[in-house]
Amino acid sequence: MAWQLEGTYFENCSCDMVCPCTTSGLTMPADQERCRVVLVFHIDSGQIEGVDVSDLTVAVLADTPQVMADGNWRVGMFMDEAASQEQADKLGAVFSGQLGGPMELLAPLIGEMLGVEVAAIEYADDGRRHRVKIGDFAEIEVEDFVPPQTPEGEVSRLTGMFHPANSTLTIARATTSQVNAFGLEFSNTEKNGHSAPFTWAA
């Protein structure tokens, strides 16, 4: 096995709850003219070709057409400044799809790489709230949705999804969302979110 990663994923996009892109395998139009999404991956444990990458975080920003399956995505990557050059190179290879795995499925949709920004990434997770601060580029927090009638009950989930992180995703909503990076500036506060554990290997 060349590599394996385990951790927690969350995202925030410009769609209202619940994102039609996610629930249609990327084939239905987003709620807005452009989909602007940040995908956050915190690695609890993992190795890539013998290099330990545990306790690092990678985030991907995508600016896509309304129908994501049409391709021509504009994508930038945030790399954890805590990563050594060797760790960053290995993580970059996985998250670009070069080493196979789930991100390889998304690679053909990318039309333009906007670059890689190395930043201090602060990640926090209490099980229902998932937060990241990426240098001066982004600050995002999403809260998994629980029906108000059962506040101590189970979070709401989508199952059977075509998604690189997991086929089961929580339904979530952004309580904070400010992004200014790669020439894009936007806020997705109160907009759609998802979270899930992820386990990848190739």
N, C-alpha and C. Protein backbone atom coordinates (compact mmCIF):
# COMPACT_ATOMS: atom_id res chain seq x y z
N MET A 1 0.85 -1.18 0.00
CA MET A 1 0.00 0.00 0.00
C MET A 1 0.89 1.24 0.00
N ALA A 2 0.75 2.09 -1.02
CA ALA A 2 1.63 3.25 -1.16
C ALA A 2 1.30 4.34 -0.15
N TRP A 3 0.02 4.48 0.17
CA TRP A 3 -0.33 5.53 1.13
C TRP A 3 -1.69 5.26 1.74
N GLN A 4 -1.91 5.84 2.92
CA GLN A 4 -3.21 5.76 3.59
C GLN A 4 -3.38 6.96 4.52
N LEU A 5 -4.60 7.50 4.52
CA LEU A 5 -4.91 8.66 5.34
C LEU A 5 -6.23 8.43 6.06
N GLU A 6 -6.33 8.87 7.30
CA GLU A 6 -7.58 8.85 8.04
C GLU A 6 -7.73 10.19 8.75
N GLY A 7 -8.96 10.70 8.76
CA GLY A 7 -9.16 11.97 9.45
C GLY A 7 -10.59 12.46 9.33
N THR A 8 -10.75 13.76 9.42
CA THR A 8 -12.07 14.39 9.37
C THR A 8 -12.10 15.42 8.25
N TYR A 9 -13.20 15.43 7.54
CA TYR A 9 -13.42 16.33 6.41
C TYR A 9 -14.58 17.26 6.73
N PHE A 10 -14.49 18.52 6.28
CA PHE A 10 -15.69 19.34 6.22
C PHE A 10 -15.59 20.33 5.08
N GLU A 11 -16.73 20.83 4.64
CA GLU A 11 -16.76 21.77 3.53
C GLU A 11 -17.80 22.85 3.79
N ASN A 12 -17.66 23.93 3.03
CA ASN A 12 -18.63 25.02 3.03
C ASN A 12 -18.69 25.55 1.61
N CYS A 13 -19.91 25.65 1.06
CA CYS A 13 -20.06 26.14 -0.30
C CYS A 13 -21.11 27.23 -0.36
N SER A 14 -21.30 27.77 -1.55
CA SER A 14 -22.18 28.92 -1.73
C SER A 14 -23.63 28.53 -1.95
N CYS A 15 -23.93 27.25 -1.93
CA CYS A 15 -25.33 26.80 -2.09
C CYS A 15 -26.08 26.94 -0.77
N ASP A 16 -27.41 27.00 -0.88
CA ASP A 16 -28.25 26.92 0.31
C ASP A 16 -28.31 25.46 0.75
N MET A 17 -28.76 25.22 1.98
CA MET A 17 -28.96 23.83 2.41
C MET A 17 -30.10 23.24 1.56
N VAL A 18 -29.96 22.07 1.01
CA VAL A 18 -28.79 21.22 0.90
C VAL A 18 -28.26 21.36 -0.53
N CYS A 19 -26.96 21.25 -0.72
CA CYS A 19 -26.32 21.50 -2.01
C CYS A 19 -26.79 20.54 -3.11
N PRO A 20 -27.38 21.06 -4.21
CA PRO A 20 -27.80 20.17 -5.29
C PRO A 20 -26.64 19.53 -6.03
N CYS A 21 -25.46 20.15 -5.99
CA CYS A 21 -24.29 19.55 -6.63
C CYS A 21 -23.96 18.21 -5.96
N THR A 22 -23.89 18.23 -4.63
CA THR A 22 -23.55 17.02 -3.87
C THR A 22 -24.60 15.94 -4.04
N THR A 23 -25.88 16.33 -4.00
CA THR A 23 -26.94 15.32 -4.01
C THR A 23 -27.25 14.78 -5.40
N SER A 24 -26.60 15.33 -6.44
CA SER A 24 -26.87 14.87 -7.80
C SER A 24 -25.63 14.32 -8.50
N GLY A 25 -24.58 14.02 -7.74
CA GLY A 25 -23.36 13.56 -8.38
C GLY A 25 -22.77 14.60 -9.32
N LEU A 26 -22.87 15.88 -8.93
CA LEU A 26 -22.31 17.04 -9.64
C LEU A 26 -23.04 17.39 -10.93
N THR A 27 -24.24 16.86 -11.15
CA THR A 27 -24.91 17.05 -12.44
C THR A 27 -26.04 18.07 -12.43
N MET A 28 -26.48 18.53 -11.24
CA MET A 28 -27.53 19.54 -11.17
C MET A 28 -26.90 20.91 -10.89
N PRO A 29 -27.53 21.99 -11.38
CA PRO A 29 -26.93 23.31 -11.20
C PRO A 29 -26.94 23.76 -9.74
N ALA A 30 -25.87 24.47 -9.39
CA ALA A 30 -25.77 25.06 -8.05
C ALA A 30 -26.82 26.14 -7.87
N ASP A 31 -27.05 26.54 -6.63
CA ASP A 31 -28.02 27.59 -6.34
C ASP A 31 -27.57 28.96 -6.85
N GLN A 32 -26.25 29.13 -7.00
CA GLN A 32 -25.69 30.40 -7.47
C GLN A 32 -25.07 30.21 -8.86
N GLU A 33 -24.74 31.31 -9.50
CA GLU A 33 -24.16 31.25 -10.84
C GLU A 33 -22.81 30.54 -10.85
N ARG A 34 -22.04 30.72 -9.77
CA ARG A 34 -20.77 30.02 -9.60
C ARG A 34 -20.83 29.29 -8.27
N CYS A 35 -20.20 28.13 -8.23
CA CYS A 35 -20.06 27.41 -6.96
C CYS A 35 -18.68 27.73 -6.40
N ARG A 36 -18.65 28.26 -5.20
CA ARG A 36 -17.39 28.53 -4.52
C ARG A 36 -17.37 27.72 -3.23
N VAL A 37 -16.44 26.79 -3.19
CA VAL A 37 -16.43 25.81 -2.11
C VAL A 37 -15.03 25.67 -1.55
N VAL A 38 -14.93 25.49 -0.24
CA VAL A 38 -13.67 25.17 0.42
C VAL A 38 -13.81 23.80 1.06
N LEU A 39 -12.89 22.90 0.72
CA LEU A 39 -12.87 21.53 1.23
C LEU A 39 -11.69 21.42 2.20
N VAL A 40 -11.97 21.00 3.43
CA VAL A 40 -10.94 20.95 4.47
C VAL A 40 -10.73 19.50 4.89
N PHE A 41 -9.48 19.06 4.91
CA PHE A 41 -9.13 17.69 5.30
C PHE A 41 -8.11 17.74 6.43
N HIS A 42 -8.52 17.32 7.63
CA HIS A 42 -7.59 17.21 8.75
C HIS A 42 -7.19 15.75 8.89
N ILE A 43 -5.91 15.50 8.79
CA ILE A 43 -5.39 14.13 8.82
C ILE A 43 -5.04 13.76 10.26
N ASP A 44 -5.79 12.85 10.84
CA ASP A 44 -5.48 12.38 12.19
C ASP A 44 -4.27 11.46 12.18
N SER A 45 -4.23 10.57 11.20
CA SER A 45 -3.09 9.66 11.06
C SER A 45 -2.93 9.30 9.61
N GLY A 46 -1.68 9.13 9.18
CA GLY A 46 -1.48 8.74 7.80
C GLY A 46 -0.02 8.74 7.39
N GLN A 47 0.24 8.03 6.30
CA GLN A 47 1.57 8.01 5.71
C GLN A 47 1.44 7.95 4.20
N ILE A 48 2.37 8.59 3.52
CA ILE A 48 2.39 8.60 2.07
C ILE A 48 3.78 8.16 1.63
N GLU A 49 3.85 6.96 1.04
CA GLU A 49 5.12 6.40 0.59
C GLU A 49 6.17 6.45 1.70
N GLY A 50 5.73 6.08 2.90
CA GLY A 50 6.64 5.98 4.03
C GLY A 50 6.85 7.27 4.80
N VAL A 51 6.24 8.37 4.36
CA VAL A 51 6.39 9.66 5.05
C VAL A 51 5.17 9.89 5.93
N ASP A 52 5.39 10.08 7.23
CA ASP A 52 4.30 10.32 8.18
C ASP A 52 3.72 11.72 7.95
N VAL A 53 2.39 11.80 7.76
CA VAL A 53 1.74 13.09 7.55
C VAL A 53 0.62 13.32 8.58
N SER A 54 0.73 12.66 9.71
CA SER A 54 -0.29 12.77 10.75
C SER A 54 -0.36 14.18 11.31
N ASP A 55 -1.57 14.57 11.71
CA ASP A 55 -1.84 15.85 12.38
C ASP A 55 -1.53 17.06 11.50
N LEU A 56 -1.72 16.91 10.20
CA LEU A 56 -1.60 18.03 9.27
C LEU A 56 -2.95 18.28 8.61
N THR A 57 -3.14 19.48 8.09
CA THR A 57 -4.40 19.86 7.47
C THR A 57 -4.14 20.42 6.08
N VAL A 58 -4.96 20.01 5.12
CA VAL A 58 -4.90 20.51 3.75
C VAL A 58 -6.30 21.02 3.40
N ALA A 59 -6.37 22.14 2.69
CA ALA A 59 -7.66 22.66 2.24
C ALA A 59 -7.58 22.99 0.76
N VAL A 60 -8.70 22.80 0.07
CA VAL A 60 -8.79 23.05 -1.37
C VAL A 60 -9.92 24.03 -1.61
N LEU A 61 -9.64 25.09 -2.35
CA LEU A 61 -10.67 26.04 -2.76
C LEU A 61 -10.99 25.80 -4.22
N ALA A 62 -12.28 25.72 -4.54
CA ALA A 62 -12.68 25.54 -5.93
C ALA A 62 -13.72 26.58 -6.33
N ASP A 63 -13.53 27.14 -7.50
CA ASP A 63 -14.49 28.06 -8.11
C ASP A 63 -14.94 27.39 -9.40
N THR A 64 -16.21 26.98 -9.46
CA THR A 64 -16.65 26.12 -10.55
C THR A 64 -17.88 26.69 -11.25
N PRO A 65 -18.14 26.20 -12.48
CA PRO A 65 -19.40 26.56 -13.14
C PRO A 65 -20.59 26.06 -12.33
N GLN A 66 -21.76 26.52 -12.70
CA GLN A 66 -22.97 26.17 -11.97
C GLN A 66 -23.21 24.66 -11.96
N VAL A 67 -22.91 24.00 -13.08
CA VAL A 67 -22.96 22.53 -13.14
C VAL A 67 -21.52 22.03 -13.02
N MET A 68 -21.19 21.46 -11.88
CA MET A 68 -19.81 21.10 -11.60
C MET A 68 -19.26 20.05 -12.55
N ALA A 69 -20.13 19.16 -13.03
CA ALA A 69 -19.69 18.10 -13.94
C ALA A 69 -19.21 18.65 -15.28
N ASP A 70 -19.51 19.92 -15.57
CA ASP A 70 -19.04 20.52 -16.83
C ASP A 70 -17.54 20.76 -16.82
N GLY A 71 -16.90 20.67 -15.67
CA GLY A 71 -15.46 20.87 -15.61
C GLY A 71 -15.08 22.34 -15.59
N ASN A 72 -13.85 22.62 -16.01
CA ASN A 72 -13.31 23.98 -16.00
C ASN A 72 -13.29 24.59 -14.59
N TRP A 73 -13.01 23.74 -13.60
CA TRP A 73 -12.87 24.23 -12.24
C TRP A 73 -11.59 25.05 -12.12
N ARG A 74 -11.64 26.09 -11.33
CA ARG A 74 -10.46 26.85 -10.94
C ARG A 74 -10.15 26.48 -9.49
N VAL A 75 -8.94 25.98 -9.25
CA VAL A 75 -8.65 25.36 -7.96
C VAL A 75 -7.35 25.89 -7.37
N GLY A 76 -7.38 26.18 -6.08
CA GLY A 76 -6.19 26.53 -5.33
C GLY A 76 -6.08 25.64 -4.10
N MET A 77 -4.87 25.46 -3.61
CA MET A 77 -4.65 24.59 -2.45
C MET A 77 -3.96 25.35 -1.34
N PHE A 78 -4.40 25.10 -0.10
CA PHE A 78 -3.75 25.63 1.09
C PHE A 78 -2.98 24.49 1.75
N MET A 79 -1.68 24.69 1.93
CA MET A 79 -0.84 23.68 2.56
C MET A 79 -0.44 24.13 3.96
N ASP A 80 -0.53 23.24 4.91
CA ASP A 80 -0.20 23.50 6.31
C ASP A 80 1.28 23.87 6.43
N GLU A 81 1.55 25.04 7.03
CA GLU A 81 2.95 25.44 7.17
C GLU A 81 3.71 24.54 8.14
N ALA A 82 2.99 23.74 8.93
CA ALA A 82 3.65 22.79 9.83
C ALA A 82 4.26 21.62 9.07
N ALA A 83 3.91 21.45 7.80
CA ALA A 83 4.44 20.35 7.00
C ALA A 83 5.86 20.66 6.54
N SER A 84 6.73 19.66 6.61
CA SER A 84 8.06 19.80 6.02
C SER A 84 7.92 19.81 4.50
N GLN A 85 9.00 20.15 3.79
CA GLN A 85 8.93 20.14 2.33
C GLN A 85 8.59 18.75 1.81
N GLU A 86 9.16 17.72 2.44
CA GLU A 86 8.88 16.35 2.01
C GLU A 86 7.41 16.00 2.25
N GLN A 87 6.89 16.36 3.41
CA GLN A 87 5.48 16.11 3.69
C GLN A 87 4.58 16.87 2.72
N ALA A 88 4.91 18.14 2.47
CA ALA A 88 4.11 18.95 1.56
C ALA A 88 4.10 18.36 0.14
N ASP A 89 5.25 17.88 -0.31
CA ASP A 89 5.32 17.29 -1.64
C ASP A 89 4.44 16.05 -1.74
N LYS A 90 4.47 15.22 -0.71
CA LYS A 90 3.66 14.00 -0.71
C LYS A 90 2.17 14.33 -0.64
N LEU A 91 1.81 15.27 0.22
CA LEU A 91 0.40 15.67 0.33
C LEU A 91 -0.09 16.29 -0.98
N GLY A 92 0.74 17.10 -1.59
CA GLY A 92 0.38 17.70 -2.87
C GLY A 92 0.11 16.65 -3.93
N ALA A 93 0.91 15.57 -3.93
CA ALA A 93 0.72 14.51 -4.91
C ALA A 93 -0.60 13.77 -4.69
N VAL A 94 -0.97 13.56 -3.42
CA VAL A 94 -2.25 12.89 -3.13
C VAL A 94 -3.42 13.79 -3.48
N PHE A 95 -3.37 15.05 -3.04
CA PHE A 95 -4.53 15.92 -3.20
C PHE A 95 -4.68 16.47 -4.62
N SER A 96 -3.66 16.29 -5.46
CA SER A 96 -3.81 16.62 -6.88
C SER A 96 -4.28 15.40 -7.68
N GLY A 97 -4.33 14.24 -7.02
CA GLY A 97 -4.75 13.02 -7.70
C GLY A 97 -3.63 12.26 -8.37
N GLN A 98 -2.40 12.74 -8.28
CA GLN A 98 -1.27 12.09 -8.96
C GLN A 98 -1.00 10.69 -8.44
N LEU A 99 -1.32 10.44 -7.16
CA LEU A 99 -1.06 9.13 -6.57
C LEU A 99 -2.32 8.28 -6.46
N GLY A 100 -3.33 8.60 -7.29
CA GLY A 100 -4.56 7.83 -7.27
C GLY A 100 -5.45 8.23 -6.10
N GLY A 101 -6.42 7.38 -5.81
CA GLY A 101 -7.33 7.67 -4.72
C GLY A 101 -8.49 8.55 -5.16
N PRO A 102 -9.34 8.96 -4.22
CA PRO A 102 -10.56 9.70 -4.55
C PRO A 102 -10.33 11.00 -5.31
N MET A 103 -9.25 11.72 -5.01
CA MET A 103 -9.03 13.01 -5.68
C MET A 103 -8.69 12.83 -7.16
N GLU A 104 -8.25 11.64 -7.54
CA GLU A 104 -7.97 11.37 -8.96
C GLU A 104 -9.25 11.50 -9.79
N LEU A 105 -10.41 11.21 -9.18
CA LEU A 105 -11.68 11.31 -9.89
C LEU A 105 -12.04 12.75 -10.22
N LEU A 106 -11.58 13.69 -9.38
CA LEU A 106 -11.89 15.10 -9.59
C LEU A 106 -10.89 15.79 -10.52
N ALA A 107 -9.70 15.23 -10.64
CA ALA A 107 -8.63 15.89 -11.40
C ALA A 107 -9.04 16.27 -12.83
N PRO A 108 -9.77 15.42 -13.56
CA PRO A 108 -10.14 15.80 -14.95
C PRO A 108 -11.06 17.01 -15.03
N LEU A 109 -11.70 17.38 -13.91
CA LEU A 109 -12.62 18.52 -13.90
C LEU A 109 -11.88 19.85 -13.75
N ILE A 110 -10.61 19.80 -13.39
CA ILE A 110 -9.85 21.03 -13.12
C ILE A 110 -9.33 21.62 -14.42
N GLY A 111 -9.70 22.88 -14.67
CA GLY A 111 -9.23 23.56 -15.86
C GLY A 111 -8.08 24.51 -15.60
N GLU A 112 -8.00 25.02 -14.37
CA GLU A 112 -6.95 26.00 -14.04
C GLU A 112 -6.52 25.84 -12.60
N MET A 113 -5.21 25.69 -12.39
CA MET A 113 -4.66 25.67 -11.04
C MET A 113 -4.28 27.08 -10.65
N LEU A 114 -4.85 27.57 -9.56
CA LEU A 114 -4.62 28.94 -9.12
C LEU A 114 -3.38 29.06 -8.24
N GLY A 115 -2.82 27.93 -7.83
CA GLY A 115 -1.60 27.95 -7.05
C GLY A 115 -1.75 27.27 -5.70
N VAL A 116 -0.66 27.32 -4.94
CA VAL A 116 -0.61 26.74 -3.60
C VAL A 116 -0.15 27.83 -2.64
N GLU A 117 -0.89 28.02 -1.56
CA GLU A 117 -0.52 28.96 -0.51
C GLU A 117 -0.15 28.17 0.74
N VAL A 118 1.02 28.42 1.28
CA VAL A 118 1.44 27.81 2.54
C VAL A 118 1.02 28.76 3.66
N ALA A 119 0.29 28.24 4.64
CA ALA A 119 -0.25 29.09 5.70
C ALA A 119 -0.35 28.32 7.01
N ALA A 120 -0.37 29.08 8.10
CA ALA A 120 -0.67 28.47 9.40
C ALA A 120 -2.14 28.05 9.38
N ILE A 121 -2.40 26.79 9.63
CA ILE A 121 -3.77 26.28 9.62
C ILE A 121 -4.14 25.82 11.02
N GLU A 122 -5.15 26.47 11.59
CA GLU A 122 -5.65 26.09 12.91
C GLU A 122 -6.96 25.34 12.71
N TYR A 123 -6.99 24.11 13.20
CA TYR A 123 -8.16 23.24 13.02
C TYR A 123 -8.73 22.88 14.38
N ALA A 124 -10.06 22.93 14.50
CA ALA A 124 -10.71 22.53 15.76
C ALA A 124 -12.00 21.79 15.43
N ASP A 125 -12.33 20.81 16.26
CA ASP A 125 -13.49 19.98 16.00
C ASP A 125 -14.01 19.45 17.34
N ASP A 126 -15.31 19.72 17.64
CA ASP A 126 -15.86 19.16 18.87
C ASP A 126 -16.88 18.07 18.58
N GLY A 127 -16.88 17.57 17.37
CA GLY A 127 -17.82 16.52 16.99
C GLY A 127 -18.99 17.02 16.19
N ARG A 128 -19.48 18.22 16.52
CA ARG A 128 -20.60 18.81 15.78
C ARG A 128 -20.25 20.15 15.16
N ARG A 129 -19.23 20.80 15.67
CA ARG A 129 -18.74 22.04 15.07
C ARG A 129 -17.35 21.79 14.53
N HIS A 130 -17.11 22.24 13.32
CA HIS A 130 -15.84 22.00 12.65
C HIS A 130 -15.32 23.37 12.18
N ARG A 131 -14.12 23.72 12.61
CA ARG A 131 -13.62 25.08 12.38
C ARG A 131 -12.21 25.04 11.82
N VAL A 132 -11.92 25.98 10.93
CA VAL A 132 -10.56 26.14 10.43
C VAL A 132 -10.26 27.63 10.25
N LYS A 133 -9.04 28.00 10.59
CA LYS A 133 -8.52 29.33 10.27
C LYS A 133 -7.26 29.11 9.46
N ILE A 134 -7.23 29.67 8.25
CA ILE A 134 -6.12 29.46 7.33
C ILE A 134 -5.42 30.80 7.14
N GLY A 135 -4.39 31.04 7.97
CA GLY A 135 -3.66 32.29 7.90
C GLY A 135 -4.60 33.48 7.86
N ASP A 136 -4.33 34.41 6.94
CA ASP A 136 -5.23 35.54 6.72
C ASP A 136 -6.16 35.29 5.53
N PHE A 137 -6.17 34.05 5.03
CA PHE A 137 -6.92 33.73 3.83
C PHE A 137 -8.38 33.33 4.08
N ALA A 138 -8.61 32.62 5.16
CA ALA A 138 -9.96 32.08 5.36
C ALA A 138 -10.21 31.75 6.82
N GLU A 139 -11.47 31.90 7.20
CA GLU A 139 -11.94 31.44 8.51
C GLU A 139 -13.34 30.88 8.31
N ILE A 140 -13.50 29.61 8.62
CA ILE A 140 -14.77 28.92 8.35
C ILE A 140 -15.13 28.03 9.53
N GLU A 141 -16.39 28.06 9.91
CA GLU A 141 -16.92 27.11 10.89
C GLU A 141 -18.27 26.62 10.40
N VAL A 142 -18.45 25.31 10.40
CA VAL A 142 -19.76 24.75 10.07
C VAL A 142 -20.25 23.95 11.27
N GLU A 143 -21.58 23.93 11.43
CA GLU A 143 -22.21 23.18 12.52
C GLU A 143 -23.14 22.16 11.92
N ASP A 144 -22.93 20.89 12.29
CA ASP A 144 -23.81 19.83 11.81
C ASP A 144 -25.24 20.10 12.25
N PHE A 145 -26.18 19.82 11.35
CA PHE A 145 -27.59 20.14 11.61
C PHE A 145 -28.25 19.05 12.44
N VAL A 146 -28.93 19.49 13.50
CA VAL A 146 -29.75 18.61 14.34
C VAL A 146 -31.16 19.19 14.35
N PRO A 147 -32.19 18.39 14.08
CA PRO A 147 -33.55 18.93 14.11
C PRO A 147 -33.83 19.60 15.44
N PRO A 148 -34.39 20.80 15.43
CA PRO A 148 -34.65 21.51 16.70
C PRO A 148 -35.59 20.76 17.63
N GLN A 149 -36.39 19.86 17.08
CA GLN A 149 -37.31 19.09 17.92
C GLN A 149 -36.56 18.05 18.77
N THR A 150 -35.34 17.68 18.32
CA THR A 150 -34.54 16.69 19.06
C THR A 150 -33.10 17.19 19.18
N PRO A 151 -32.88 18.26 19.94
CA PRO A 151 -31.56 18.91 19.97
C PRO A 151 -30.44 18.02 20.47
N GLU A 152 -30.76 17.00 21.23
CA GLU A 152 -29.72 16.09 21.72
C GLU A 152 -29.66 14.81 20.88
N GLY A 153 -30.40 14.79 19.79
CA GLY A 153 -30.48 13.59 18.96
C GLY A 153 -29.39 13.50 17.91
N GLU A 154 -29.63 12.65 16.94
CA GLU A 154 -28.68 12.42 15.86
C GLU A 154 -28.64 13.58 14.90
N VAL A 155 -27.45 13.85 14.36
CA VAL A 155 -27.34 14.85 13.31
C VAL A 155 -27.96 14.29 12.03
N SER A 156 -28.42 15.18 11.16
CA SER A 156 -29.03 14.76 9.90
C SER A 156 -27.93 14.40 8.90
N ARG A 157 -28.16 13.35 8.13
CA ARG A 157 -27.13 12.86 7.21
C ARG A 157 -27.72 12.54 5.83
N LEU A 158 -26.85 12.66 4.82
CA LEU A 158 -27.14 12.20 3.47
C LEU A 158 -26.36 10.91 3.24
N THR A 159 -26.99 9.93 2.61
CA THR A 159 -26.29 8.67 2.35
C THR A 159 -26.31 8.36 0.86
N GLY A 160 -25.38 7.51 0.44
CA GLY A 160 -25.30 7.11 -0.96
C GLY A 160 -24.76 8.19 -1.87
N MET A 161 -23.93 9.10 -1.33
CA MET A 161 -23.42 10.24 -2.10
C MET A 161 -22.20 9.84 -2.93
N PHE A 162 -22.08 10.44 -4.13
CA PHE A 162 -20.85 10.37 -4.91
C PHE A 162 -19.99 11.55 -4.46
N HIS A 163 -19.03 11.28 -3.59
CA HIS A 163 -18.24 12.34 -2.98
C HIS A 163 -16.87 11.77 -2.60
N PRO A 164 -15.80 12.55 -2.80
CA PRO A 164 -14.47 12.00 -2.52
C PRO A 164 -14.21 11.68 -1.06
N ALA A 165 -14.89 12.36 -0.13
CA ALA A 165 -14.60 12.14 1.28
C ALA A 165 -15.28 10.89 1.82
N ASN A 166 -16.56 10.75 1.54
CA ASN A 166 -17.33 9.68 2.14
C ASN A 166 -18.68 9.61 1.43
N SER A 167 -19.28 8.43 1.37
CA SER A 167 -20.61 8.31 0.76
C SER A 167 -21.72 8.73 1.72
N THR A 168 -21.37 8.97 3.00
CA THR A 168 -22.31 9.50 3.99
C THR A 168 -21.78 10.82 4.51
N LEU A 169 -22.59 11.87 4.40
CA LEU A 169 -22.19 13.22 4.81
C LEU A 169 -23.22 13.79 5.76
N THR A 170 -22.78 14.52 6.76
CA THR A 170 -23.75 15.25 7.57
C THR A 170 -24.28 16.43 6.76
N ILE A 171 -25.46 16.87 7.12
CA ILE A 171 -25.98 18.15 6.65
C ILE A 171 -25.53 19.19 7.66
N ALA A 172 -24.96 20.28 7.19
CA ALA A 172 -24.42 21.29 8.10
C ALA A 172 -24.67 22.68 7.54
N ARG A 173 -24.44 23.67 8.39
CA ARG A 173 -24.62 25.07 8.00
C ARG A 173 -23.44 25.87 8.53
N ALA A 174 -22.97 26.81 7.73
CA ALA A 174 -21.83 27.62 8.14
C ALA A 174 -22.27 28.71 9.11
N THR A 175 -21.62 28.78 10.27
CA THR A 175 -21.85 29.86 11.22
C THR A 175 -20.87 31.00 10.98
N THR A 176 -19.74 30.69 10.38
CA THR A 176 -18.73 31.69 10.00
C THR A 176 -18.14 31.28 8.67
N SER A 177 -17.95 32.23 7.77
CA SER A 177 -17.32 31.91 6.49
C SER A 177 -16.84 33.18 5.81
N GLN A 178 -15.53 33.38 5.82
CA GLN A 178 -14.90 34.49 5.13
C GLN A 178 -13.68 33.96 4.39
N VAL A 179 -13.61 34.24 3.09
CA VAL A 179 -12.50 33.74 2.27
C VAL A 179 -11.99 34.88 1.40
N ASN A 180 -10.66 35.04 1.38
CA ASN A 180 -10.01 36.01 0.50
C ASN A 180 -8.69 35.39 0.06
N ALA A 181 -8.72 34.72 -1.09
CA ALA A 181 -7.54 33.99 -1.54
C ALA A 181 -7.64 33.72 -3.04
N PHE A 182 -6.48 33.60 -3.67
CA PHE A 182 -6.40 33.27 -5.10
C PHE A 182 -7.22 34.22 -5.96
N GLY A 183 -7.30 35.49 -5.54
CA GLY A 183 -8.05 36.47 -6.31
C GLY A 183 -9.55 36.41 -6.12
N LEU A 184 -10.02 35.59 -5.18
CA LEU A 184 -11.45 35.45 -4.90
C LEU A 184 -11.73 35.93 -3.49
N GLU A 185 -12.80 36.67 -3.33
CA GLU A 185 -13.22 37.12 -2.01
C GLU A 185 -14.71 36.88 -1.86
N PHE A 186 -15.11 36.11 -0.85
CA PHE A 186 -16.52 35.79 -0.68
C PHE A 186 -16.80 35.35 0.75
N SER A 187 -18.08 35.34 1.09
CA SER A 187 -18.55 34.83 2.38
C SER A 187 -19.69 33.87 2.13
N ASN A 188 -19.60 32.69 2.72
CA ASN A 188 -20.66 31.69 2.61
C ASN A 188 -21.33 31.45 3.97
N THR A 189 -21.33 32.46 4.84
CA THR A 189 -22.00 32.33 6.13
C THR A 189 -23.48 32.03 5.92
N GLU A 190 -23.99 31.12 6.73
CA GLU A 190 -25.39 30.65 6.67
C GLU A 190 -25.65 29.72 5.48
N LYS A 191 -24.61 29.44 4.71
CA LYS A 191 -24.79 28.59 3.53
C LYS A 191 -24.46 27.13 3.87
N ASN A 192 -24.49 26.30 2.84
CA ASN A 192 -24.38 24.85 2.99
C ASN A 192 -23.03 24.39 3.55
N GLY A 193 -23.08 23.31 4.31
CA GLY A 193 -21.88 22.64 4.77
C GLY A 193 -22.10 21.15 4.85
N HIS A 194 -21.01 20.42 4.91
CA HIS A 194 -21.06 18.97 5.15
C HIS A 194 -19.84 18.60 5.99
N SER A 195 -19.91 17.47 6.67
CA SER A 195 -18.73 16.94 7.34
C SER A 195 -18.82 15.42 7.33
N ALA A 196 -17.66 14.79 7.50
CA ALA A 196 -17.61 13.32 7.49
C ALA A 196 -16.20 12.86 7.87
N PRO A 197 -16.11 11.67 8.47
CA PRO A 197 -14.78 11.06 8.57
C PRO A 197 -14.36 10.58 7.18
N PHE A 198 -13.05 10.57 6.93
CA PHE A 198 -12.60 10.01 5.66
C PHE A 198 -11.47 9.02 5.90
N THR A 199 -11.45 7.98 5.10
CA THR A 199 -10.40 6.96 5.13
C THR A 199 -10.02 6.68 3.68
N TRP A 200 -8.81 7.04 3.32
CA TRP A 200 -8.33 6.87 1.93
C TRP A 200 -7.12 5.96 1.90
N ALA A 201 -6.96 5.24 0.84
CA ALA A 201 -5.75 4.45 0.62
C ALA A 201 -5.60 4.14 -0.85
N ALA A 202 -4.38 4.02 -1.30
CA ALA A 202 -4.12 3.62 -2.69
C ALA A 202 -2.72 3.01 -2.78
